[in-house]
């Protein structure tokens, strides 16, 4: 009696991995053992990169905001502190977009932030 090998499913699984490894260099695209390892690493890198992309985007928004704030005569950190004091809840993505596309609206936000900082300082003193 022959042993059961689950051939169709095994072949399908191996072909699927080799399909994912298409375009890889050398054995990594030809041999299942090496292709499987390369594909798993690729998936790990892709997962990490998806998370890192979010961090990179936020950093870009902050750099843009900082530049716009400095041009308006306030530092980034004071601007964010002023917005929180004024209870303006806009995220950095939206603020960055406003800074780039609508300078008048951004300057109005800066003015509100500065006013909120003044009232905050007055209530402390």
Protein backbone atom coordinates (compact mmCIF):
# COMPACT_ATOMS: atom_id res chain seq x y z
CA UNK A 1 0.00 0.00 0.00
CA UNK A 2 1.41 3.39 -1.02
CA UNK A 3 1.62 6.22 1.44
CA UNK A 4 -0.62 9.25 1.07
CA UNK A 5 1.36 12.33 0.00
CA UNK A 6 -1.37 14.92 -0.54
CA UNK A 7 0.26 15.58 -3.92
CA UNK A 8 -2.23 17.96 -5.52
CA UNK A 9 -2.33 20.30 -2.52
CA UNK A 10 1.46 20.18 -2.05
CA UNK A 11 2.08 20.97 -5.69
CA UNK A 12 -0.44 23.80 -5.62
CA UNK A 13 1.19 25.28 -2.51
CA UNK A 14 4.67 25.08 -4.04
CA UNK A 15 3.55 26.55 -7.35
CA UNK A 16 1.90 29.41 -5.49
CA UNK A 17 5.11 30.24 -3.62
CA UNK A 18 7.15 30.04 -6.83
CA UNK A 19 4.65 32.37 -8.49
CA UNK A 20 5.17 34.92 -5.70
CA UNK A 21 8.94 34.55 -6.12
CA UNK A 22 8.84 35.27 -9.84
CA UNK A 23 11.54 37.77 -10.75
CA UNK A 24 13.77 36.95 -7.80
CA UNK A 25 17.45 36.30 -8.57
CA UNK A 26 18.89 32.80 -8.99
CA UNK A 27 17.65 29.88 -6.91
CA UNK A 28 15.21 32.13 -5.07
CA UNK A 29 12.92 32.07 -8.08
CA UNK A 30 13.51 28.44 -9.11
CA UNK A 31 13.73 26.22 -6.03
CA UNK A 32 10.90 25.95 -3.53
CA UNK A 33 13.06 25.86 -0.40
CA UNK A 34 14.83 29.12 -1.21
CA UNK A 35 11.79 30.75 -2.77
CA UNK A 36 9.72 30.11 0.35
CA UNK A 37 12.32 31.81 2.52
CA UNK A 38 12.66 34.77 0.15
CA UNK A 39 8.90 35.25 -0.10
CA UNK A 40 8.49 35.13 3.69
CA UNK A 41 11.21 37.76 4.09
CA UNK A 42 9.59 39.89 1.39
CA UNK A 43 6.26 39.74 3.21
CA UNK A 44 7.94 40.74 6.47
CA UNK A 45 9.61 43.71 4.80
CA UNK A 46 6.34 44.72 3.14
CA UNK A 47 4.49 44.58 6.47
CA UNK A 48 7.15 46.69 8.19
CA UNK A 49 7.24 49.16 5.31
CA UNK A 50 3.48 49.67 5.47
CA UNK A 51 3.85 50.69 9.12
CA UNK A 52 6.92 52.84 8.43
CA UNK A 53 5.17 54.65 5.60
CA UNK A 54 2.66 56.06 8.09
CA UNK A 55 5.46 57.35 10.30
CA UNK A 56 7.28 58.88 7.31
CA UNK A 57 4.13 60.66 6.15
CA UNK A 58 3.52 62.15 9.60
CA UNK A 59 7.14 63.35 9.68
CA UNK A 60 6.68 65.01 6.30
CA UNK A 61 3.52 66.79 7.47
CA UNK A 62 5.33 68.05 10.56
CA UNK A 63 8.27 69.36 8.48
CA UNK A 64 5.86 71.19 6.16
CA UNK A 65 3.92 72.61 9.09
CA UNK A 66 7.09 73.76 10.81
CA UNK A 67 8.19 75.62 7.66
CA UNK A 68 4.79 77.27 7.28
CA UNK A 69 4.66 78.18 10.97
CA UNK A 70 8.12 79.75 10.89
CA UNK A 71 7.08 81.81 7.86
CA UNK A 72 4.06 82.98 9.88
CA UNK A 73 6.26 83.92 12.84
CA UNK A 74 5.56 81.09 15.31
CA UNK A 75 7.30 77.82 16.10
CA UNK A 76 5.65 74.50 15.32
CA UNK A 77 5.41 73.42 18.95
CA UNK A 78 3.86 76.72 20.06
CA UNK A 79 1.42 76.51 17.13
CA UNK A 80 0.27 73.01 18.16
CA UNK A 81 0.05 74.11 21.81
CA UNK A 82 -2.07 77.10 20.74
CA UNK A 83 -4.39 74.94 18.66
CA UNK A 84 -4.93 72.62 21.63
CA UNK A 85 -5.60 75.60 23.88
CA UNK A 86 -8.10 76.92 21.31
CA UNK A 87 -9.71 73.46 21.15
CA UNK A 88 -9.11 73.19 17.40
CA UNK A 89 -8.86 69.49 16.62
CA UNK A 90 -7.28 69.22 13.17
CA UNK A 91 -4.73 66.52 12.51
CA UNK A 92 -1.32 67.23 11.05
CA UNK A 93 -2.28 65.91 7.62
CA UNK A 94 -5.11 68.41 7.27
CA UNK A 95 -3.07 71.26 8.76
CA UNK A 96 -0.23 70.54 6.32
CA UNK A 97 -2.64 70.52 3.41
CA UNK A 98 -4.13 73.85 4.52
CA UNK A 99 -0.64 75.34 4.92
CA UNK A 100 0.26 74.35 1.35
CA UNK A 101 -2.99 75.18 -0.43
CA UNK A 102 -4.60 78.03 1.51
CA UNK A 103 -2.21 80.50 3.11
CA UNK A 104 -4.99 82.85 4.25
CA UNK A 105 -6.79 80.09 6.17
CA UNK A 106 -3.50 78.90 7.69
CA UNK A 107 -2.65 82.42 8.86
CA UNK A 108 -6.10 82.60 10.45
CA UNK A 109 -5.35 79.37 12.32
CA UNK A 110 -2.00 80.80 13.44
CA UNK A 111 -3.78 83.92 14.71
CA UNK A 112 -6.29 81.79 16.66
CA UNK A 113 -3.45 79.74 18.14
CA UNK A 114 -1.57 82.89 19.20
CA UNK A 115 -4.70 84.37 20.77
CA UNK A 116 -5.33 81.13 22.68
CA UNK A 117 -1.73 81.15 23.93
CA UNK A 118 -2.16 84.74 25.17
CA UNK A 119 -5.34 83.90 27.07
CA UNK A 120 -3.67 80.78 28.46
CA UNK A 121 -0.74 82.87 29.70
CA UNK A 122 -3.09 85.51 31.14
CA UNK A 123 -5.05 82.92 33.15
CA UNK A 124 -1.81 81.45 34.54
CA UNK A 125 -0.49 84.81 35.73
